[in-house]
Each structure stands twice: as C-alpha cells, then as structure tokens.
Full PDB file with SEQRES, HELIX, SHEET, SSBOND, CRYST1, ORIGX, SCALE, CONECT and MASTER records, all heavy atoms in Angstrom:
SEQRES   1 A   38  SER ILE ASN ARG MET GLY TRP TYR ARG GLN ALA PRO GLY          
SEQRES   2 A   38  LYS GLN ARG GLU LEU VAL ALA ALA ILE THR SER GLY GLY          
SEQRES   3 A   38  ARG ILE ASN TYR ALA ASP SER VAL LYS GLY ARG PHE              
HELIX    1 AA1 ASP A   32  VAL A   34  5                                   3    
SHEET    1 AA1 3 ARG A   4  ARG A   9  0                                        
SHEET    2 AA1 3 GLU A  17  THR A  23 -1                                        
SHEET    3 AA1 3 ILE A  28  TYR A  30 -1                                        
CRYST1    1.000    1.000    1.000  90.00  90.00  90.00 P 1           1          
ORIGX1      1.000000  0.000000  0.000000        0.00000                         
ORIGX2      0.000000  1.000000  0.000000        0.00000                         
ORIGX3      0.000000  0.000000  1.000000        0.00000                         
SCALE1      1.000000  0.000000  0.000000        0.00000                         
SCALE2      0.000000  1.000000  0.000000        0.00000                         
SCALE3      0.000000  0.000000  1.000000        0.00000                         
ATOM      1  N   SER A   1       5.092 -17.590  -8.545  1.00  0.00           N  
ATOM      2  CA  SER A   1       5.548 -16.864  -7.373  1.00  0.00           C  
ATOM      3  C   SER A   1       4.878 -15.500  -7.333  1.00  0.00           C  
ATOM      4  O   SER A   1       4.450 -14.967  -8.355  1.00  0.00           O  
ATOM      5  CB  SER A   1       7.070 -16.701  -7.366  1.00  0.00           C  
ATOM      6  OG  SER A   1       7.499 -15.876  -8.432  1.00  0.00           O  
ATOM      7  N   ILE A   2       4.806 -14.943  -6.140  1.00  0.00           N  
ATOM      8  CA  ILE A   2       4.303 -13.594  -5.936  1.00  0.00           C  
ATOM      9  C   ILE A   2       5.400 -12.785  -5.267  1.00  0.00           C  
ATOM     10  O   ILE A   2       5.819 -13.105  -4.159  1.00  0.00           O  
ATOM     11  CB  ILE A   2       3.032 -13.578  -5.075  1.00  0.00           C  
ATOM     12  CG1 ILE A   2       1.928 -14.391  -5.735  1.00  0.00           C  
ATOM     13  CG2 ILE A   2       2.579 -12.139  -4.836  1.00  0.00           C  
ATOM     14  CD1 ILE A   2       0.649 -14.468  -4.929  1.00  0.00           C  
ATOM     15  N   ASN A   3       5.864 -11.764  -5.950  1.00  0.00           N  
ATOM     16  CA  ASN A   3       6.975 -10.973  -5.447  1.00  0.00           C  
ATOM     17  C   ASN A   3       6.526  -9.866  -4.498  1.00  0.00           C  
ATOM     18  O   ASN A   3       7.241  -9.525  -3.566  1.00  0.00           O  
ATOM     19  CB  ASN A   3       7.756 -10.351  -6.604  1.00  0.00           C  
ATOM     20  CG  ASN A   3       8.358 -11.391  -7.521  1.00  0.00           C  
ATOM     21  OD1 ASN A   3       8.871 -12.410  -7.068  1.00  0.00           O  
ATOM     22  ND2 ASN A   3       8.280 -11.150  -8.820  1.00  0.00           N  
ATOM     23  N   ARG A   4       5.361  -9.334  -4.745  1.00  0.00           N  
ATOM     24  CA  ARG A   4       4.884  -8.179  -3.992  1.00  0.00           C  
ATOM     25  C   ARG A   4       3.368  -8.162  -4.002  1.00  0.00           C  
ATOM     26  O   ARG A   4       2.749  -8.423  -5.033  1.00  0.00           O  
ATOM     27  CB  ARG A   4       5.441  -6.901  -4.622  1.00  0.00           C  
ATOM     28  CG  ARG A   4       5.030  -5.581  -3.983  1.00  0.00           C  
ATOM     29  CD  ARG A   4       5.678  -4.446  -4.761  1.00  0.00           C  
ATOM     30  NE  ARG A   4       5.390  -3.129  -4.223  1.00  0.00           N  
ATOM     31  CZ  ARG A   4       4.361  -2.377  -4.585  1.00  0.00           C  
ATOM     32  NH1 ARG A   4       3.477  -2.828  -5.474  1.00  0.00           N  
ATOM     33  NH2 ARG A   4       4.195  -1.167  -4.050  1.00  0.00           N  
ATOM     34  N   MET A   5       2.776  -7.868  -2.873  1.00  0.00           N  
ATOM     35  CA  MET A   5       1.336  -7.684  -2.780  1.00  0.00           C  
ATOM     36  C   MET A   5       1.067  -6.383  -2.050  1.00  0.00           C  
ATOM     37  O   MET A   5       1.832  -5.997  -1.167  1.00  0.00           O  
ATOM     38  CB  MET A   5       0.653  -8.843  -2.053  1.00  0.00           C  
ATOM     39  CG  MET A   5       0.824 -10.193  -2.732  1.00  0.00           C  
ATOM     40  SD  MET A   5      -0.191 -11.505  -1.985  1.00  0.00           S  
ATOM     41  CE  MET A   5      -1.814 -11.088  -2.670  1.00  0.00           C  
ATOM     42  N   GLY A   6       0.000  -5.733  -2.429  1.00  0.00           N  
ATOM     43  CA  GLY A   6      -0.283  -4.465  -1.801  1.00  0.00           C  
ATOM     44  C   GLY A   6      -1.727  -4.047  -1.940  1.00  0.00           C  
ATOM     45  O   GLY A   6      -2.537  -4.713  -2.593  1.00  0.00           O  
ATOM     46  N   TRP A   7      -2.011  -2.932  -1.295  1.00  0.00           N  
ATOM     47  CA  TRP A   7      -3.329  -2.336  -1.325  1.00  0.00           C  
ATOM     48  C   TRP A   7      -3.235  -0.912  -1.855  1.00  0.00           C  
ATOM     49  O   TRP A   7      -2.361  -0.145  -1.435  1.00  0.00           O  
ATOM     50  CB  TRP A   7      -3.955  -2.314   0.072  1.00  0.00           C  
ATOM     51  CG  TRP A   7      -4.300  -3.666   0.595  1.00  0.00           C  
ATOM     52  CD1 TRP A   7      -3.529  -4.469   1.374  1.00  0.00           C  
ATOM     53  CD2 TRP A   7      -5.521  -4.374   0.362  1.00  0.00           C  
ATOM     54  NE1 TRP A   7      -4.181  -5.640   1.651  1.00  0.00           N  
ATOM     55  CE2 TRP A   7      -5.403  -5.610   1.045  1.00  0.00           C  
ATOM     56  CE3 TRP A   7      -6.686  -4.095  -0.344  1.00  0.00           C  
ATOM     57  CZ2 TRP A   7      -6.431  -6.561   1.032  1.00  0.00           C  
ATOM     58  CZ3 TRP A   7      -7.694  -5.035  -0.355  1.00  0.00           C  
ATOM     59  CH2 TRP A   7      -7.558  -6.250   0.329  1.00  0.00           C  
ATOM     60  N   TYR A   8      -4.125  -0.589  -2.761  1.00  0.00           N  
ATOM     61  CA  TYR A   8      -4.296   0.753  -3.274  1.00  0.00           C  
ATOM     62  C   TYR A   8      -5.718   1.195  -2.992  1.00  0.00           C  
ATOM     63  O   TYR A   8      -6.601   0.373  -2.748  1.00  0.00           O  
ATOM     64  CB  TYR A   8      -4.022   0.799  -4.779  1.00  0.00           C  
ATOM     65  CG  TYR A   8      -2.585   0.530  -5.166  1.00  0.00           C  
ATOM     66  CD1 TYR A   8      -2.042  -0.746  -5.070  1.00  0.00           C  
ATOM     67  CD2 TYR A   8      -1.771   1.558  -5.634  1.00  0.00           C  
ATOM     68  CE1 TYR A   8      -0.729  -0.996  -5.423  1.00  0.00           C  
ATOM     69  CE2 TYR A   8      -0.458   1.319  -5.995  1.00  0.00           C  
ATOM     70  CZ  TYR A   8       0.052   0.035  -5.890  1.00  0.00           C  
ATOM     71  OH  TYR A   8       1.352  -0.207  -6.251  1.00  0.00           O  
ATOM     72  N   ARG A   9      -5.938   2.499  -3.030  1.00  0.00           N  
ATOM     73  CA  ARG A   9      -7.293   2.992  -2.855  1.00  0.00           C  
ATOM     74  C   ARG A   9      -7.541   4.174  -3.779  1.00  0.00           C  
ATOM     75  O   ARG A   9      -6.624   4.883  -4.174  1.00  0.00           O  
ATOM     76  CB  ARG A   9      -7.560   3.389  -1.401  1.00  0.00           C  
ATOM     77  CG  ARG A   9      -6.773   4.598  -0.910  1.00  0.00           C  
ATOM     78  CD  ARG A   9      -7.011   4.809   0.580  1.00  0.00           C  
ATOM     79  NE  ARG A   9      -6.300   5.971   1.087  1.00  0.00           N  
ATOM     80  CZ  ARG A   9      -6.221   6.292   2.366  1.00  0.00           C  
ATOM     81  NH1 ARG A   9      -6.820   5.537   3.286  1.00  0.00           N  
ATOM     82  NH2 ARG A   9      -5.555   7.376   2.745  1.00  0.00           N  
ATOM     83  N   GLN A  10      -8.805   4.362  -4.092  1.00  0.00           N  
ATOM     84  CA  GLN A  10      -9.203   5.455  -4.950  1.00  0.00           C  
ATOM     85  C   GLN A  10     -10.505   6.041  -4.434  1.00  0.00           C  
ATOM     86  O   GLN A  10     -11.527   5.356  -4.376  1.00  0.00           O  
ATOM     87  CB  GLN A  10      -9.363   5.002  -6.395  1.00  0.00           C  
ATOM     88  CG  GLN A  10      -9.603   6.135  -7.371  1.00  0.00           C  
ATOM     89  CD  GLN A  10      -9.461   5.691  -8.808  1.00  0.00           C  
ATOM     90  OE1 GLN A  10      -9.612   4.518  -9.128  1.00  0.00           O  
ATOM     91  NE2 GLN A  10      -9.151   6.632  -9.687  1.00  0.00           N  
ATOM     92  N   ALA A  11     -10.447   7.305  -4.056  1.00  0.00           N  
ATOM     93  CA  ALA A  11     -11.619   8.035  -3.621  1.00  0.00           C  
ATOM     94  C   ALA A  11     -12.209   8.783  -4.808  1.00  0.00           C  
ATOM     95  O   ALA A  11     -11.517   9.057  -5.792  1.00  0.00           O  
ATOM     96  CB  ALA A  11     -11.256   9.013  -2.505  1.00  0.00           C  
ATOM     97  N   PRO A  12     -13.494   9.138  -4.747  1.00  0.00           N  
ATOM     98  CA  PRO A  12     -14.110   9.868  -5.852  1.00  0.00           C  
ATOM     99  C   PRO A  12     -13.349  11.143  -6.191  1.00  0.00           C  
ATOM    100  O   PRO A  12     -13.016  11.934  -5.303  1.00  0.00           O  
ATOM    101  CB  PRO A  12     -15.511  10.186  -5.333  1.00  0.00           C  
ATOM    102  CG  PRO A  12     -15.790   9.104  -4.341  1.00  0.00           C  
ATOM    103  CD  PRO A  12     -14.471   8.829  -3.685  1.00  0.00           C  
ATOM    104  N   GLY A  13     -13.050  11.327  -7.461  1.00  0.00           N  
ATOM    105  CA  GLY A  13     -12.357  12.511  -7.913  1.00  0.00           C  
ATOM    106  C   GLY A  13     -10.877  12.545  -7.628  1.00  0.00           C  
ATOM    107  O   GLY A  13     -10.239  13.577  -7.869  1.00  0.00           O  
ATOM    108  N   LYS A  14     -10.319  11.461  -7.130  1.00  0.00           N  
ATOM    109  CA  LYS A  14      -8.905  11.428  -6.793  1.00  0.00           C  
ATOM    110  C   LYS A  14      -8.206  10.300  -7.534  1.00  0.00           C  
ATOM    111  O   LYS A  14      -8.828   9.364  -8.029  1.00  0.00           O  
ATOM    112  CB  LYS A  14      -8.710  11.257  -5.283  1.00  0.00           C  
ATOM    113  CG  LYS A  14      -9.313  12.365  -4.441  1.00  0.00           C  
ATOM    114  CD  LYS A  14      -9.034  12.172  -2.965  1.00  0.00           C  
ATOM    115  CE  LYS A  14      -7.565  12.342  -2.645  1.00  0.00           C  
ATOM    116  NZ  LYS A  14      -7.307  12.244  -1.175  1.00  0.00           N  
ATOM    117  N   GLN A  15      -6.890  10.409  -7.610  1.00  0.00           N  
ATOM    118  CA  GLN A  15      -6.074   9.377  -8.237  1.00  0.00           C  
ATOM    119  C   GLN A  15      -5.959   8.155  -7.328  1.00  0.00           C  
ATOM    120  O   GLN A  15      -6.043   8.266  -6.104  1.00  0.00           O  
ATOM    121  CB  GLN A  15      -4.676   9.916  -8.542  1.00  0.00           C  
ATOM    122  CG  GLN A  15      -4.629  11.058  -9.538  1.00  0.00           C  
ATOM    123  CD  GLN A  15      -4.831  10.577 -10.944  1.00  0.00           C  
ATOM    124  OE1 GLN A  15      -5.950  10.581 -11.455  1.00  0.00           O  
ATOM    125  NE2 GLN A  15      -3.758  10.151 -11.588  1.00  0.00           N  
ATOM    126  N   ARG A  16      -5.753   7.010  -7.944  1.00  0.00           N  
ATOM    127  CA  ARG A  16      -5.485   5.822  -7.162  1.00  0.00           C  
ATOM    128  C   ARG A  16      -4.121   5.954  -6.501  1.00  0.00           C  
ATOM    129  O   ARG A  16      -3.144   6.369  -7.132  1.00  0.00           O  
ATOM    130  CB  ARG A  16      -5.532   4.582  -8.052  1.00  0.00           C  
ATOM    131  CG  ARG A  16      -5.404   3.273  -7.293  1.00  0.00           C  
ATOM    132  CD  ARG A  16      -5.593   2.061  -8.202  1.00  0.00           C  
ATOM    133  NE  ARG A  16      -6.911   2.043  -8.816  1.00  0.00           N  
ATOM    134  CZ  ARG A  16      -7.373   1.040  -9.549  1.00  0.00           C  
ATOM    135  NH1 ARG A  16      -6.623  -0.042  -9.744  1.00  0.00           N  
ATOM    136  NH2 ARG A  16      -8.584   1.122 -10.088  1.00  0.00           N  
ATOM    137  N   GLU A  17      -4.038   5.602  -5.229  1.00  0.00           N  
ATOM    138  CA  GLU A  17      -2.810   5.769  -4.483  1.00  0.00           C  
ATOM    139  C   GLU A  17      -2.446   4.500  -3.732  1.00  0.00           C  
ATOM    140  O   GLU A  17      -3.311   3.718  -3.336  1.00  0.00           O  
ATOM    141  CB  GLU A  17      -2.926   6.935  -3.491  1.00  0.00           C  
ATOM    142  CG  GLU A  17      -3.974   6.714  -2.406  1.00  0.00           C  
ATOM    143  CD  GLU A  17      -4.004   7.820  -1.368  1.00  0.00           C  
ATOM    144  OE1 GLU A  17      -3.094   8.672  -1.364  1.00  0.00           O  
ATOM    145  OE2 GLU A  17      -4.952   7.840  -0.547  1.00  0.00           O  
ATOM    146  N   LEU A  18      -1.163   4.324  -3.542  1.00  0.00           N  
ATOM    147  CA  LEU A  18      -0.672   3.200  -2.757  1.00  0.00           C  
ATOM    148  C   LEU A  18      -0.998   3.423  -1.289  1.00  0.00           C  
ATOM    149  O   LEU A  18      -0.744   4.494  -0.741  1.00  0.00           O  
ATOM    150  CB  LEU A  18       0.837   3.046  -2.937  1.00  0.00           C  
ATOM    151  CG  LEU A  18       1.511   1.997  -2.043  1.00  0.00           C  
ATOM    152  CD1 LEU A  18       1.100   0.596  -2.463  1.00  0.00           C  
ATOM    153  CD2 LEU A  18       3.029   2.141  -2.092  1.00  0.00           C  
ATOM    154  N   VAL A  19      -1.539   2.403  -0.654  1.00  0.00           N  
ATOM    155  CA  VAL A  19      -1.801   2.428   0.775  1.00  0.00           C  
ATOM    156  C   VAL A  19      -0.693   1.697   1.524  1.00  0.00           C  
ATOM    157  O   VAL A  19      -0.100   2.227   2.466  1.00  0.00           O  
ATOM    158  CB  VAL A  19      -3.165   1.802   1.110  1.00  0.00           C  
ATOM    159  CG1 VAL A  19      -3.399   1.791   2.623  1.00  0.00           C  
ATOM    160  CG2 VAL A  19      -4.279   2.554   0.404  1.00  0.00           C  
ATOM    161  N   ALA A  20      -0.425   0.468   1.127  1.00  0.00           N  
ATOM    162  CA  ALA A  20       0.600  -0.341   1.759  1.00  0.00           C  
ATOM    163  C   ALA A  20       0.983  -1.469   0.830  1.00  0.00           C  
ATOM    164  O   ALA A  20       0.173  -1.930   0.024  1.00  0.00           O  
ATOM    165  CB  ALA A  20       0.113  -0.905   3.099  1.00  0.00           C  
ATOM    166  N   ALA A  21       2.220  -1.929   0.939  1.00  0.00           N  
ATOM    167  CA  ALA A  21       2.696  -3.042   0.130  1.00  0.00           C  
ATOM    168  C   ALA A  21       3.699  -3.850   0.923  1.00  0.00           C  
ATOM    169  O   ALA A  21       4.372  -3.331   1.825  1.00  0.00           O  
ATOM    170  CB  ALA A  21       3.322  -2.542  -1.170  1.00  0.00           C  
ATOM    171  N   ILE A  22       3.804  -5.122   0.565  1.00  0.00           N  
ATOM    172  CA  ILE A  22       4.738  -6.012   1.237  1.00  0.00           C  
ATOM    173  C   ILE A  22       5.345  -6.947   0.206  1.00  0.00           C  
ATOM    174  O   ILE A  22       4.656  -7.498  -0.653  1.00  0.00           O  
ATOM    175  CB  ILE A  22       4.039  -6.788   2.380  1.00  0.00           C  
ATOM    176  CG1 ILE A  22       5.037  -7.656   3.146  1.00  0.00           C  
ATOM    177  CG2 ILE A  22       2.867  -7.607   1.855  1.00  0.00           C  
ATOM    178  CD1 ILE A  22       4.466  -8.217   4.445  1.00  0.00           C  
ATOM    179  N   THR A  23       6.662  -7.127   0.266  1.00  0.00           N  
ATOM    180  CA  THR A  23       7.360  -8.009  -0.655  1.00  0.00           C  
ATOM    181  C   THR A  23       7.420  -9.417  -0.094  1.00  0.00           C  
ATOM    182  O   THR A  23       7.094  -9.673   1.064  1.00  0.00           O  
ATOM    183  CB  THR A  23       8.778  -7.512  -0.932  1.00  0.00           C  
ATOM    184  OG1 THR A  23       9.580  -7.673   0.250  1.00  0.00           O  
ATOM    185  CG2 THR A  23       8.782  -6.047  -1.348  1.00  0.00           C  
ATOM    186  N   SER A  24       7.871 -10.346  -0.930  1.00  0.00           N  
ATOM    187  CA  SER A  24       8.015 -11.727  -0.491  1.00  0.00           C  
ATOM    188  C   SER A  24       9.019 -11.859   0.641  1.00  0.00           C  
ATOM    189  O   SER A  24       8.925 -12.786   1.450  1.00  0.00           O  
ATOM    190  CB  SER A  24       8.433 -12.617  -1.666  1.00  0.00           C  
ATOM    191  OG  SER A  24       9.674 -12.195  -2.206  1.00  0.00           O  
ATOM    192  N   GLY A  25       9.974 -10.941   0.708  1.00  0.00           N  
ATOM    193  CA  GLY A  25      10.954 -10.948   1.775  1.00  0.00           C  
ATOM    194  C   GLY A  25      10.521 -10.230   3.029  1.00  0.00           C  
ATOM    195  O   GLY A  25      11.286 -10.177   3.999  1.00  0.00           O  
ATOM    196  N   GLY A  26       9.324  -9.665   3.022  1.00  0.00           N  
ATOM    197  CA  GLY A  26       8.793  -9.021   4.206  1.00  0.00           C  
ATOM    198  C   GLY A  26       9.023  -7.525   4.293  1.00  0.00           C  
ATOM    199  O   GLY A  26       8.688  -6.914   5.315  1.00  0.00           O  
ATOM    200  N   ARG A  27       9.582  -6.932   3.260  1.00  0.00           N  
ATOM    201  CA  ARG A  27       9.766  -5.480   3.272  1.00  0.00           C  
ATOM    202  C   ARG A  27       8.419  -4.795   3.083  1.00  0.00           C  
ATOM    203  O   ARG A  27       7.663  -5.127   2.177  1.00  0.00           O  
ATOM    204  CB  ARG A  27      10.738  -5.051   2.182  1.00  0.00           C  
ATOM    205  CG  ARG A  27      11.117  -3.582   2.227  1.00  0.00           C  
ATOM    206  CD  ARG A  27      12.109  -3.239   1.124  1.00  0.00           C  
ATOM    207  NE  ARG A  27      13.352  -3.971   1.273  1.00  0.00           N  
ATOM    208  CZ  ARG A  27      14.372  -3.566   2.026  1.00  0.00           C  
ATOM    209  NH1 ARG A  27      14.296  -2.438   2.698  1.00  0.00           N  
ATOM    210  NH2 ARG A  27      15.467  -4.304   2.092  1.00  0.00           N  
ATOM    211  N   ILE A  28       8.131  -3.796   3.912  1.00  0.00           N  
ATOM    212  CA  ILE A  28       6.832  -3.149   3.955  1.00  0.00           C  
ATOM    213  C   ILE A  28       6.967  -1.660   3.689  1.00  0.00           C  
ATOM    214  O   ILE A  28       7.913  -1.014   4.146  1.00  0.00           O  
ATOM    215  CB  ILE A  28       6.156  -3.381   5.322  1.00  0.00           C  
ATOM    216  CG1 ILE A  28       5.841  -4.868   5.516  1.00  0.00           C  
ATOM    217  CG2 ILE A  28       4.887  -2.548   5.453  1.00  0.00           C  
ATOM    218  CD1 ILE A  28       5.336  -5.215   6.894  1.00  0.00           C  
ATOM    219  N   ASN A  29       6.011  -1.137   2.970  1.00  0.00           N  
ATOM    220  CA  ASN A  29       5.929   0.288   2.700  1.00  0.00           C  
ATOM    221  C   ASN A  29       4.510   0.765   2.943  1.00  0.00           C  
ATOM    222  O   ASN A  29       3.558   0.133   2.497  1.00  0.00           O  
ATOM    223  CB  ASN A  29       6.357   0.577   1.258  1.00  0.00           C  
ATOM    224  CG  ASN A  29       6.265   2.035   0.892  1.00  0.00           C  
ATOM    225  OD1 ASN A  29       5.478   2.423   0.044  1.00  0.00           O  
ATOM    226  ND2 ASN A  29       7.085   2.855   1.546  1.00  0.00           N  
ATOM    227  N   TYR A  30       4.369   1.890   3.657  1.00  0.00           N  
ATOM    228  CA  TYR A  30       3.066   2.490   3.932  1.00  0.00           C  
ATOM    229  C   TYR A  30       3.013   3.911   3.396  1.00  0.00           C  
ATOM    230  O   TYR A  30       4.019   4.629   3.387  1.00  0.00           O  
ATOM    231  CB  TYR A  30       2.795   2.571   5.428  1.00  0.00           C  
ATOM    232  CG  TYR A  30       2.606   1.255   6.136  1.00  0.00           C  
ATOM    233  CD1 TYR A  30       3.624   0.720   6.928  1.00  0.00           C  
ATOM    234  CD2 TYR A  30       1.413   0.558   6.048  1.00  0.00           C  
ATOM    235  CE1 TYR A  30       3.448  -0.470   7.594  1.00  0.00           C  
ATOM    236  CE2 TYR A  30       1.230  -0.638   6.715  1.00  0.00           C  
ATOM    237  CZ  TYR A  30       2.258  -1.148   7.492  1.00  0.00           C  
ATOM    238  OH  TYR A  30       2.078  -2.337   8.162  1.00  0.00           O  
ATOM    239  N   ALA A  31       1.824   4.311   3.002  1.00  0.00           N  
ATOM    240  CA  ALA A  31       1.591   5.715   2.751  1.00  0.00           C  
ATOM    241  C   ALA A  31       1.678   6.481   4.070  1.00  0.00           C  
ATOM    242  O   ALA A  31       1.286   5.973   5.125  1.00  0.00           O  
ATOM    243  CB  ALA A  31       0.220   5.935   2.115  1.00  0.00           C  
ATOM    244  N   ASP A  32       2.194   7.706   4.016  1.00  0.00           N  
ATOM    245  CA  ASP A  32       2.332   8.493   5.236  1.00  0.00           C  
ATOM    246  C   ASP A  32       0.992   8.685   5.947  1.00  0.00           C  
ATOM    247  O   ASP A  32       0.946   8.739   7.185  1.00  0.00           O  
ATOM    248  CB  ASP A  32       2.946   9.854   4.922  1.00  0.00           C  
ATOM    249  CG  ASP A  32       4.415   9.768   4.569  1.00  0.00           C  
ATOM    250  OD1 ASP A  32       5.061   8.759   4.905  1.00  0.00           O  
ATOM    251  OD2 ASP A  32       4.926  10.730   3.959  1.00  0.00           O  
ATOM    252  N   SER A  33      -0.074   8.774   5.196  1.00  0.00           N  
ATOM    253  CA  SER A  33      -1.378   9.053   5.770  1.00  0.00           C  
ATOM    254  C   SER A  33      -1.934   7.911   6.614  1.00  0.00           C  
ATOM    255  O   SER A  33      -2.864   8.122   7.392  1.00  0.00           O  
ATOM    256  CB  SER A  33      -2.377   9.401   4.667  1.00  0.00           C  
ATOM    257  OG  SER A  33      -2.514   8.330   3.748  1.00  0.00           O  
ATOM    258  N   VAL A  34      -1.382   6.715   6.469  1.00  0.00           N  
ATOM    259  CA  VAL A  34      -1.911   5.570   7.208  1.00  0.00           C  
ATOM    260  C   VAL A  34      -0.922   4.986   8.194  1.00  0.00           C  
ATOM    261  O   VAL A  34      -1.275   4.055   8.933  1.00  0.00           O  
ATOM    262  CB  VAL A  34      -2.401   4.458   6.253  1.00  0.00           C  
ATOM    263  CG1 VAL A  34      -3.388   5.023   5.240  1.00  0.00           C  
ATOM    264  CG2 VAL A  34      -1.235   3.771   5.555  1.00  0.00           C  
ATOM    265  N   LYS A  35       0.285   5.500   8.237  1.00  0.00           N  
ATOM    266  CA  LYS A  35       1.281   4.981   9.167  1.00  0.00           C  
ATOM    267  C   LYS A  35       0.794   5.105  10.606  1.00  0.00           C  
ATOM    268  O   LYS A  35       0.274   6.138  11.013  1.00  0.00           O  
ATOM    269  CB  LYS A  35       2.607   5.724   8.999  1.00  0.00           C  
ATOM    270  CG  LYS A  35       3.367   5.358   7.748  1.00  0.00           C  
ATOM    271  CD  LYS A  35       4.692   6.105   7.659  1.00  0.00           C  
ATOM    272  CE  LYS A  35       5.457   5.713   6.417  1.00  0.00           C  
ATOM    273  NZ  LYS A  35       6.727   6.469   6.292  1.00  0.00           N  
ATOM    274  N   GLY A  36       0.970   4.043  11.346  1.00  0.00           N  
ATOM    275  CA  GLY A  36       0.522   4.015  12.727  1.00  0.00           C  
ATOM    276  C   GLY A  36      -0.912   3.586  12.905  1.00  0.00           C  
ATOM    277  O   GLY A  36      -1.334   3.313  14.032  1.00  0.00           O  
ATOM    278  N   ARG A  37      -1.674   3.533  11.822  1.00  0.00           N  
ATOM    279  CA  ARG A  37      -3.073   3.136  11.895  1.00  0.00           C  
ATOM    280  C   ARG A  37      -3.363   1.835  11.149  1.00  0.00           C  
ATOM    281  O   ARG A  37      -4.191   1.046  11.590  1.00  0.00           O  
ATOM    282  CB  ARG A  37      -3.972   4.238  11.331  1.00  0.00           C  
ATOM    283  CG  ARG A  37      -3.860   5.565  12.074  1.00  0.00           C  
ATOM    284  CD  ARG A  37      -4.915   6.559  11.596  1.00  0.00           C  
ATOM    285  NE  ARG A  37      -4.761   6.881  10.174  1.00  0.00           N  
ATOM    286  CZ  ARG A  37      -5.689   6.651   9.250  1.00  0.00           C  
ATOM    287  NH1 ARG A  37      -6.854   6.100   9.585  1.00  0.00           N  
ATOM    288  NH2 ARG A  37      -5.473   6.996   7.989  1.00  0.00           N  
ATOM    289  N   PHE A  38      -2.699   1.636  10.020  1.00  0.00           N  
ATOM    290  CA  PHE A  38      -2.923   0.446   9.201  1.00  0.00           C  
ATOM    291  C   PHE A  38      -1.738  -0.503   9.329  1.00  0.00           C  
ATOM    292  O   PHE A  38      -0.587  -0.070   9.485  1.00  0.00           O  
ATOM    293  CB  PHE A  38      -3.079   0.813   7.725  1.00  0.00           C  
ATOM    294  CG  PHE A  38      -4.334   1.571   7.386  1.00  0.00           C  
ATOM    295  CD1 PHE A  38      -5.176   2.076   8.359  1.00  0.00           C  
ATOM    296  CD2 PHE A  38      -4.664   1.774   6.055  1.00  0.00           C  
ATOM    297  CE1 PHE A  38      -6.328   2.774   8.035  1.00  0.00           C  
ATOM    298  CE2 PHE A  38      -5.810   2.470   5.710  1.00  0.00           C  
ATOM    299  CZ  PHE A  38      -6.640   2.972   6.701  1.00  0.00           C  
TER     300      PHE A  38                                                      
MASTER        0    0    0    1    3    0    0    6  299    1    0    3          
END                                                                             
C-alpha cells in the first residue's frame, strides 16, 4: 500500500522543501509558495 505521495524540491544552496503531498484518502497539503498555481 501507499499511504502518502508527494513532491519535494531542492534549489541550489537551499534545503529540500515540501511542495505538495496527497494521502491515500485524498487529503492534500501545499506549500504556501505554490498554492493557487500547482
């Protein structure tokens, strides 16, 4: 089973950060910087 899938990103010189994630039940979380665009 897969409980959660998501996307992270890492720019040069920066920490890896969560972009968006979705659970098996459909719960979604976005980074504030991408809300409304991704």
